[in-house]
Amino acid sequence: MEIIRRLGVPPSERGSATNGTCPDIFELSDGNFAVIGTDMTTELAGELPSDAAVAGYERIVMVSRATLVAARKDIPLN
């Protein structure tokens, strides 16, 4: 599996103070997506609706609204 492309613009164009360590979204060669974000599993697991759960190998990851909005134009429709 490989990273094919970034969705949206680089963190430096979204105002990153460090020009790199910010949330990001990438498309993978298998068609899935990888997300760099803040691990919020501990804080949010108890807030999930009753029909949702986090497996031991999963994490709830928060990305900023600005990151997702910047990626919107690059997210495939199908």
PDB file of N, CA and C in Angstrom:
ATOM      1  N   MET A   1       0.847  -1.170   0.000  1.00  0.00           N
ATOM      2  CA  MET A   1       0.000   0.000   0.000  1.00  0.00           C
ATOM      3  C   MET A   1       0.897   1.240   0.000  1.00  0.00           C
ATOM      4  N   GLU A   2       0.479   2.231  -0.763  1.00  0.00           N
ATOM      5  CA  GLU A   2       1.245   3.472  -0.869  1.00  0.00           C
ATOM      6  C   GLU A   2       0.315   4.672  -0.779  1.00  0.00           C
ATOM      7  N   ILE A   3       0.876   5.815  -0.388  1.00  0.00           N
ATOM      8  CA  ILE A   3       0.144   7.079  -0.442  1.00  0.00           C
ATOM      9  C   ILE A   3       0.201   7.570  -1.877  1.00  0.00           C
ATOM     10  N   ILE A   4      -0.973   7.809  -2.446  1.00  0.00           N
ATOM     11  CA  ILE A   4      -1.066   8.264  -3.838  1.00  0.00           C
ATOM     12  C   ILE A   4      -1.048   9.790  -3.931  1.00  0.00           C
ATOM     13  N   ARG A   5      -1.838  10.428  -3.037  1.00  0.00           N
ATOM     14  CA  ARG A   5      -1.920  11.887  -3.108  1.00  0.00           C
ATOM     15  C   ARG A   5      -2.501  12.444  -1.815  1.00  0.00           C
ATOM     16  N   ARG A   6      -2.240  13.702  -1.610  1.00  0.00           N
ATOM     17  CA  ARG A   6      -2.847  14.461  -0.495  1.00  0.00           C
ATOM     18  C   ARG A   6      -4.180  15.003  -0.980  1.00  0.00           C
ATOM     19  N   LEU A   7      -5.160  14.993  -0.094  1.00  0.00           N
ATOM     20  CA  LEU A   7      -6.432  15.634  -0.383  1.00  0.00           C
ATOM     21  C   LEU A   7      -6.395  17.005   0.261  1.00  0.00           C
ATOM     22  N   GLY A   8      -6.666  18.021  -0.523  1.00  0.00           N
ATOM     23  CA  GLY A   8      -6.591  19.387  -0.006  1.00  0.00           C
ATOM     24  C   GLY A   8      -5.208  19.970  -0.189  1.00  0.00           C
ATOM     25  N   VAL A   9      -4.908  20.935   0.625  1.00  0.00           N
ATOM     26  CA  VAL A   9      -3.636  21.656   0.512  1.00  0.00           C
ATOM     27  C   VAL A   9      -2.713  21.272   1.670  1.00  0.00           C
ATOM     28  N   PRO A  10      -1.404  21.482   1.518  1.00  0.00           N
ATOM     29  CA  PRO A  10      -0.467  21.162   2.596  1.00  0.00           C
ATOM     30  C   PRO A  10      -0.761  21.991   3.853  1.00  0.00           C
ATOM     31  N   PRO A  11      -0.365  21.473   5.017  1.00  0.00           N
ATOM     32  CA  PRO A  11      -0.562  22.212   6.262  1.00  0.00           C
ATOM     33  C   PRO A  11      -0.005  23.629   6.222  1.00  0.00           C
ATOM     34  N   SER A  12       1.112  23.815   5.546  1.00  0.00           N
ATOM     35  CA  SER A  12       1.712  25.154   5.484  1.00  0.00           C
ATOM     36  C   SER A  12       0.782  26.165   4.825  1.00  0.00           C
ATOM     37  N   GLU A  13      -0.075  25.708   3.916  1.00  0.00           N
ATOM     38  CA  GLU A  13      -1.031  26.607   3.251  1.00  0.00           C
ATOM     39  C   GLU A  13      -2.290  26.811   4.083  1.00  0.00           C
ATOM     40  N   ARG A  14      -2.453  26.010   5.140  1.00  0.00           N
ATOM     41  CA  ARG A  14      -3.609  26.169   6.030  1.00  0.00           C
ATOM     42  C   ARG A  14      -3.213  26.892   7.312  1.00  0.00           C
ATOM     43  N   GLY A  15      -1.979  27.430   7.357  1.00  0.00           N
ATOM     44  CA  GLY A  15      -1.564  28.214   8.509  1.00  0.00           C
ATOM     45  C   GLY A  15      -0.815  27.452   9.582  1.00  0.00           C
ATOM     46  N   SER A  16      -0.248  26.287   9.250  1.00  0.00           N
ATOM     47  CA  SER A  16       0.504  25.509  10.233  1.00  0.00           C
ATOM     48  C   SER A  16       1.691  26.303  10.762  1.00  0.00           C
ATOM     49  N   ALA A  17       1.796  26.358  12.069  1.00  0.00           N
ATOM     50  CA  ALA A  17       2.915  27.074  12.690  1.00  0.00           C
ATOM     51  C   ALA A  17       4.221  26.331  12.475  1.00  0.00           C
ATOM     52  N   THR A  18       4.142  25.002  12.291  1.00  0.00           N
ATOM     53  CA  THR A  18       5.363  24.201  12.130  1.00  0.00           C
ATOM     54  C   THR A  18       5.576  23.758  10.695  1.00  0.00           C
ATOM     55  N   ASN A  19       4.667  24.128   9.808  1.00  0.00           N
ATOM     56  CA  ASN A  19       4.736  23.768   8.384  1.00  0.00           C
ATOM     57  C   ASN A  19       4.762  22.273   8.131  1.00  0.00           C
ATOM     58  N   GLY A  20       4.179  21.483   9.000  1.00  0.00           N
ATOM     59  CA  GLY A  20       4.149  20.057   8.706  1.00  0.00           C
ATOM     60  C   GLY A  20       3.397  19.206   9.695  1.00  0.00           C
ATOM     61  N   THR A  21       3.395  19.576  10.957  1.00  0.00           N
ATOM     62  CA  THR A  21       2.754  18.708  11.944  1.00  0.00           C
ATOM     63  C   THR A  21       1.335  19.180  12.218  1.00  0.00           C
ATOM     64  N   CYS A  22       0.470  18.914  11.264  1.00  0.00           N
ATOM     65  CA  CYS A  22      -0.939  19.281  11.360  1.00  0.00           C
ATOM     66  C   CYS A  22      -1.770  18.165  10.760  1.00  0.00           C
ATOM     67  N   PRO A  23      -3.071  18.170  11.014  1.00  0.00           N
ATOM     68  CA  PRO A  23      -3.934  17.161  10.398  1.00  0.00           C
ATOM     69  C   PRO A  23      -3.768  17.149   8.879  1.00  0.00           C
ATOM     70  N   ASP A  24      -3.906  15.955   8.307  1.00  0.00           N
ATOM     71  CA  ASP A  24      -3.760  15.799   6.869  1.00  0.00           C
ATOM     72  C   ASP A  24      -4.577  14.593   6.434  1.00  0.00           C
ATOM     73  N   ILE A  25      -4.957  14.546   5.169  1.00  0.00           N
ATOM     74  CA  ILE A  25      -5.728  13.440   4.617  1.00  0.00           C
ATOM     75  C   ILE A  25      -5.047  12.991   3.328  1.00  0.00           C
ATOM     76  N   PHE A  26      -4.873  11.667   3.186  1.00  0.00           N
ATOM     77  CA  PHE A  26      -4.200  11.099   2.027  1.00  0.00           C
ATOM     78  C   PHE A  26      -5.024   9.978   1.416  1.00  0.00           C
ATOM     79  N   GLU A  27      -4.997   9.880   0.083  1.00  0.00           N
ATOM     80  CA  GLU A  27      -5.609   8.756  -0.607  1.00  0.00           C
ATOM     81  C   GLU A  27      -4.551   7.671  -0.760  1.00  0.00           C
ATOM     82  N   LEU A  28      -4.949   6.423  -0.513  1.00  0.00           N
ATOM     83  CA  LEU A  28      -4.031   5.293  -0.602  1.00  0.00           C
ATOM     84  C   LEU A  28      -4.228   4.532  -1.913  1.00  0.00           C
ATOM     85  N   SER A  29      -3.240   3.761  -2.283  1.00  0.00           N
ATOM     86  CA  SER A  29      -3.266   3.042  -3.547  1.00  0.00           C
ATOM     87  C   SER A  29      -4.407   2.030  -3.637  1.00  0.00           C
ATOM     88  N   ASP A  30      -4.934   1.577  -2.501  1.00  0.00           N
ATOM     89  CA  ASP A  30      -6.054   0.623  -2.533  1.00  0.00           C
ATOM     90  C   ASP A  30      -7.409   1.320  -2.540  1.00  0.00           C
ATOM     91  N   GLY A  31      -7.424   2.659  -2.625  1.00  0.00           N
ATOM     92  CA  GLY A  31      -8.668   3.409  -2.671  1.00  0.00           C
ATOM     93  C   GLY A  31      -9.152   3.892  -1.314  1.00  0.00           C
ATOM     94  N   ASN A  32      -8.534   3.444  -0.230  1.00  0.00           N
ATOM     95  CA  ASN A  32      -8.885   3.911   1.114  1.00  0.00           C
ATOM     96  C   ASN A  32      -8.179   5.222   1.414  1.00  0.00           C
ATOM     97  N   PHE A  33      -8.423   5.759   2.602  1.00  0.00           N
ATOM     98  CA  PHE A  33      -7.834   7.032   2.989  1.00  0.00           C
ATOM     99  C   PHE A  33      -7.119   6.895   4.325  1.00  0.00           C
ATOM    100  N   ALA A  34      -6.054   7.626   4.492  1.00  0.00           N
ATOM    101  CA  ALA A  34      -5.318   7.691   5.755  1.00  0.00           C
ATOM    102  C   ALA A  34      -5.422   9.118   6.277  1.00  0.00           C
ATOM    103  N   VAL A  35      -5.587   9.232   7.598  1.00  0.00           N
ATOM    104  CA  VAL A  35      -5.781  10.533   8.218  1.00  0.00           C
ATOM    105  C   VAL A  35      -4.745  10.734   9.323  1.00  0.00           C
ATOM    106  N   ILE A  36      -4.103  11.886   9.321  1.00  0.00           N
ATOM    107  CA  ILE A  36      -3.259  12.296  10.444  1.00  0.00           C
ATOM    108  C   ILE A  36      -4.109  13.271  11.244  1.00  0.00           C
ATOM    109  N   GLY A  37      -4.296  12.963  12.502  1.00  0.00           N
ATOM    110  CA  GLY A  37      -5.110  13.817  13.347  1.00  0.00           C
ATOM    111  C   GLY A  37      -4.801  13.572  14.809  1.00  0.00           C
ATOM    112  N   THR A  38      -5.562  14.187  15.666  1.00  0.00           N
ATOM    113  CA  THR A  38      -5.381  14.057  17.107  1.00  0.00           C
ATOM    114  C   THR A  38      -6.192  12.866  17.603  1.00  0.00           C
ATOM    115  N   ASP A  39      -5.534  11.949  18.312  1.00  0.00           N
ATOM    116  CA  ASP A  39      -6.217  10.782  18.867  1.00  0.00           C
ATOM    117  C   ASP A  39      -7.159  11.243  19.975  1.00  0.00           C
ATOM    118  N   MET A  40      -8.448  11.077  19.741  1.00  0.00           N
ATOM    119  CA  MET A  40      -9.477  11.497  20.696  1.00  0.00           C
ATOM    120  C   MET A  40     -10.263  10.302  21.227  1.00  0.00           C
ATOM    121  N   THR A  41      -9.708   9.104  21.067  1.00  0.00           N
ATOM    122  CA  THR A  41     -10.418   7.888  21.449  1.00  0.00           C
ATOM    123  C   THR A  41     -10.859   7.916  22.905  1.00  0.00           C
ATOM    124  N   THR A  42      -9.961   8.231  23.809  1.00  0.00           N
ATOM    125  CA  THR A  42     -10.293   8.241  25.233  1.00  0.00           C
ATOM    126  C   THR A  42     -11.402   9.242  25.526  1.00  0.00           C
ATOM    127  N   GLU A  43     -11.315  10.409  24.926  1.00  0.00           N
ATOM    128  CA  GLU A  43     -12.264  11.471  25.208  1.00  0.00           C
ATOM    129  C   GLU A  43     -13.635  11.235  24.591  1.00  0.00           C
ATOM    130  N   LEU A  44     -13.699  10.550  23.431  1.00  0.00           N
ATOM    131  CA  LEU A  44     -14.957  10.466  22.693  1.00  0.00           C
ATOM    132  C   LEU A  44     -15.600   9.083  22.640  1.00  0.00           C
ATOM    133  N   ALA A  45     -14.899   8.032  23.016  1.00  0.00           N
ATOM    134  CA  ALA A  45     -15.463   6.678  22.913  1.00  0.00           C
ATOM    135  C   ALA A  45     -16.783   6.562  23.660  1.00  0.00           C
ATOM    136  N   GLY A  46     -16.893   7.170  24.812  1.00  0.00           N
ATOM    137  CA  GLY A  46     -18.125   7.124  25.591  1.00  0.00           C
ATOM    138  C   GLY A  46     -19.244   7.970  25.021  1.00  0.00           C
ATOM    139  N   GLU A  47     -18.942   8.798  24.042  1.00  0.00           N
ATOM    140  CA  GLU A  47     -19.931   9.674  23.421  1.00  0.00           C
ATOM    141  C   GLU A  47     -20.530   9.076  22.154  1.00  0.00           C
ATOM    142  N   LEU A  48     -20.007   7.946  21.698  1.00  0.00           N
ATOM    143  CA  LEU A  48     -20.494   7.341  20.459  1.00  0.00           C
ATOM    144  C   LEU A  48     -21.949   6.897  20.605  1.00  0.00           C
ATOM    145  N   PRO A  49     -22.707   6.936  19.515  1.00  0.00           N
ATOM    146  CA  PRO A  49     -24.075   6.422  19.569  1.00  0.00           C
ATOM    147  C   PRO A  49     -24.046   4.907  19.840  1.00  0.00           C
ATOM    148  N   SER A  50     -25.157   4.363  20.271  1.00  0.00           N
ATOM    149  CA  SER A  50     -25.207   2.955  20.678  1.00  0.00           C
ATOM    150  C   SER A  50     -24.901   1.985  19.547  1.00  0.00           C
ATOM    151  N   ASP A  51     -25.046   2.409  18.302  1.00  0.00           N
ATOM    152  CA  ASP A  51     -24.760   1.517  17.184  1.00  0.00           C
ATOM    153  C   ASP A  51     -23.361   1.702  16.606  1.00  0.00           C
ATOM    154  N   ALA A  52     -22.459   2.319  17.381  1.00  0.00           N
ATOM    155  CA  ALA A  52     -21.070   2.517  16.954  1.00  0.00           C
ATOM    156  C   ALA A  52     -20.135   2.063  18.067  1.00  0.00           C
ATOM    157  N   ALA A  53     -18.959   1.571  17.672  1.00  0.00           N
ATOM    158  CA  ALA A  53     -17.962   1.127  18.643  1.00  0.00           C
ATOM    159  C   ALA A  53     -16.575   1.240  18.022  1.00  0.00           C
ATOM    160  N   VAL A  54     -15.565   1.244  18.860  1.00  0.00           N
ATOM    161  CA  VAL A  54     -14.176   1.341  18.417  1.00  0.00           C
ATOM    162  C   VAL A  54     -13.493   0.013  18.727  1.00  0.00           C
ATOM    163  N   ALA A  55     -13.018  -0.678  17.695  1.00  0.00           N
ATOM    164  CA  ALA A  55     -12.288  -1.927  17.887  1.00  0.00           C
ATOM    165  C   ALA A  55     -10.924  -1.628  18.501  1.00  0.00           C
ATOM    166  N   GLY A  56     -10.300  -2.628  19.061  1.00  0.00           N
ATOM    167  CA  GLY A  56      -8.996  -2.449  19.696  1.00  0.00           C
ATOM    168  C   GLY A  56      -7.921  -1.913  18.763  1.00  0.00           C
ATOM    169  N   TYR A  57      -8.055  -2.152  17.482  1.00  0.00           N
ATOM    170  CA  TYR A  57      -7.076  -1.683  16.495  1.00  0.00           C
ATOM    171  C   TYR A  57      -7.485  -0.356  15.857  1.00  0.00           C
ATOM    172  N   GLU A  58      -8.582   0.229  16.302  1.00  0.00           N
ATOM    173  CA  GLU A  58      -9.074   1.493  15.746  1.00  0.00           C
ATOM    174  C   GLU A  58      -8.895   2.642  16.733  1.00  0.00           C
ATOM    175  N   ARG A  59      -8.915   3.853  16.204  1.00  0.00           N
ATOM    176  CA  ARG A  59      -8.851   5.063  17.009  1.00  0.00           C
ATOM    177  C   ARG A  59      -9.842   6.068  16.443  1.00  0.00           C
ATOM    178  N   ILE A  60     -10.401   6.886  17.312  1.00  0.00           N
ATOM    179  CA  ILE A  60     -11.203   8.030  16.873  1.00  0.00           C
ATOM    180  C   ILE A  60     -10.215   9.173  16.676  1.00  0.00           C
ATOM    181  N   VAL A  61     -10.159   9.674  15.461  1.00  0.00           N
ATOM    182  CA  VAL A  61      -9.177  10.706  15.128  1.00  0.00           C
ATOM    183  C   VAL A  61      -9.909  11.982  14.745  1.00  0.00           C
ATOM    184  N   MET A  62      -9.490  13.081  15.351  1.00  0.00           N
ATOM    185  CA  MET A  62     -10.074  14.383  15.037  1.00  0.00           C
ATOM    186  C   MET A  62      -9.184  15.106  14.038  1.00  0.00           C
ATOM    187  N   VAL A  63      -9.811  15.646  13.001  1.00  0.00           N
ATOM    188  CA  VAL A  63      -9.118  16.550  12.080  1.00  0.00           C
ATOM    189  C   VAL A  63      -9.860  17.874  12.135  1.00  0.00           C
ATOM    190  N   SER A  64      -9.143  18.936  11.915  1.00  0.00           N
ATOM    191  CA  SER A  64      -9.775  20.252  11.991  1.00  0.00           C
ATOM    192  C   SER A  64     -10.766  20.442  10.846  1.00  0.00           C
ATOM    193  N   ARG A  65     -11.719  21.280  11.090  1.00  0.00           N
ATOM    194  CA  ARG A  65     -12.700  21.622  10.050  1.00  0.00           C
ATOM    195  C   ARG A  65     -11.981  22.173   8.819  1.00  0.00           C
ATOM    196  N   ALA A  66     -10.983  23.011   9.029  1.00  0.00           N
ATOM    197  CA  ALA A  66     -10.240  23.606   7.910  1.00  0.00           C
ATOM    198  C   ALA A  66      -9.588  22.532   7.042  1.00  0.00           C
ATOM    199  N   THR A  67      -9.085  21.464   7.677  1.00  0.00           N
ATOM    200  CA  THR A  67      -8.459  20.375   6.927  1.00  0.00           C
ATOM    201  C   THR A  67      -9.478  19.672   6.048  1.00  0.00           C
ATOM    202  N   LEU A  68     -10.627  19.339   6.614  1.00  0.00           N
ATOM    203  CA  LEU A  68     -11.653  18.631   5.856  1.00  0.00           C
ATOM    204  C   LEU A  68     -12.245  19.510   4.764  1.00  0.00           C
ATOM    205  N   VAL A  69     -12.489  20.757   5.063  1.00  0.00           N
ATOM    206  CA  VAL A  69     -13.032  21.673   4.050  1.00  0.00           C
ATOM    207  C   VAL A  69     -12.037  21.835   2.898  1.00  0.00           C
ATOM    208  N   ALA A  70     -10.750  21.929   3.210  1.00  0.00           N
ATOM    209  CA  ALA A  70      -9.729  22.063   2.166  1.00  0.00           C
ATOM    210  C   ALA A  70      -9.651  20.816   1.300  1.00  0.00           C
ATOM    211  N   ALA A  71      -9.994  19.651   1.869  1.00  0.00           N
ATOM    212  CA  ALA A  71      -9.934  18.389   1.133  1.00  0.00           C
ATOM    213  C   ALA A  71     -11.196  18.133   0.315  1.00  0.00           C
ATOM    214  N   ARG A  72     -12.257  18.827   0.610  1.00  0.00           N
ATOM    215  CA  ARG A  72     -13.570  18.547  -0.001  1.00  0.00           C
ATOM    216  C   ARG A  72     -13.493  18.431  -1.528  1.00  0.00           C
ATOM    217  N   LYS A  73     -12.809  19.332  -2.186  1.00  0.00           N
ATOM    218  CA  LYS A  73     -12.771  19.317  -3.644  1.00  0.00           C
ATOM    219  C   LYS A  73     -12.050  18.092  -4.209  1.00  0.00           C
ATOM    220  N   ASP A  74     -11.225  17.441  -3.392  1.00  0.00           N
ATOM    221  CA  ASP A  74     -10.457  16.287  -3.847  1.00  0.00           C
ATOM    222  C   ASP A  74     -11.080  14.951  -3.456  1.00  0.00           C
ATOM    223  N   ILE A  75     -12.163  14.957  -2.700  1.00  0.00           N
ATOM    224  CA  ILE A  75     -12.789  13.709  -2.265  1.00  0.00           C
ATOM    225  C   ILE A  75     -13.645  13.170  -3.417  1.00  0.00           C
ATOM    226  N   PRO A  76     -13.363  11.930  -3.860  1.00  0.00           N
ATOM    227  CA  PRO A  76     -14.134  11.360  -4.970  1.00  0.00           C
ATOM    228  C   PRO A  76     -15.609  11.204  -4.592  1.00  0.00           C
ATOM    229  N   LEU A  77     -16.479  11.303  -5.561  1.00  0.00           N
ATOM    230  CA  LEU A  77     -17.920  11.152  -5.327  1.00  0.00           C
ATOM    231  C   LEU A  77     -18.343   9.691  -5.305  1.00  0.00           C
ATOM    232  N   ASN A  78     -17.526   8.804  -5.832  1.00  0.00           N
ATOM    233  CA  ASN A  78     -17.876   7.376  -5.784  1.00  0.00           C
ATOM    234  C   ASN A  78     -16.671   6.516  -5.534  1.00  0.00           C
TER     235      ASN A  78
END
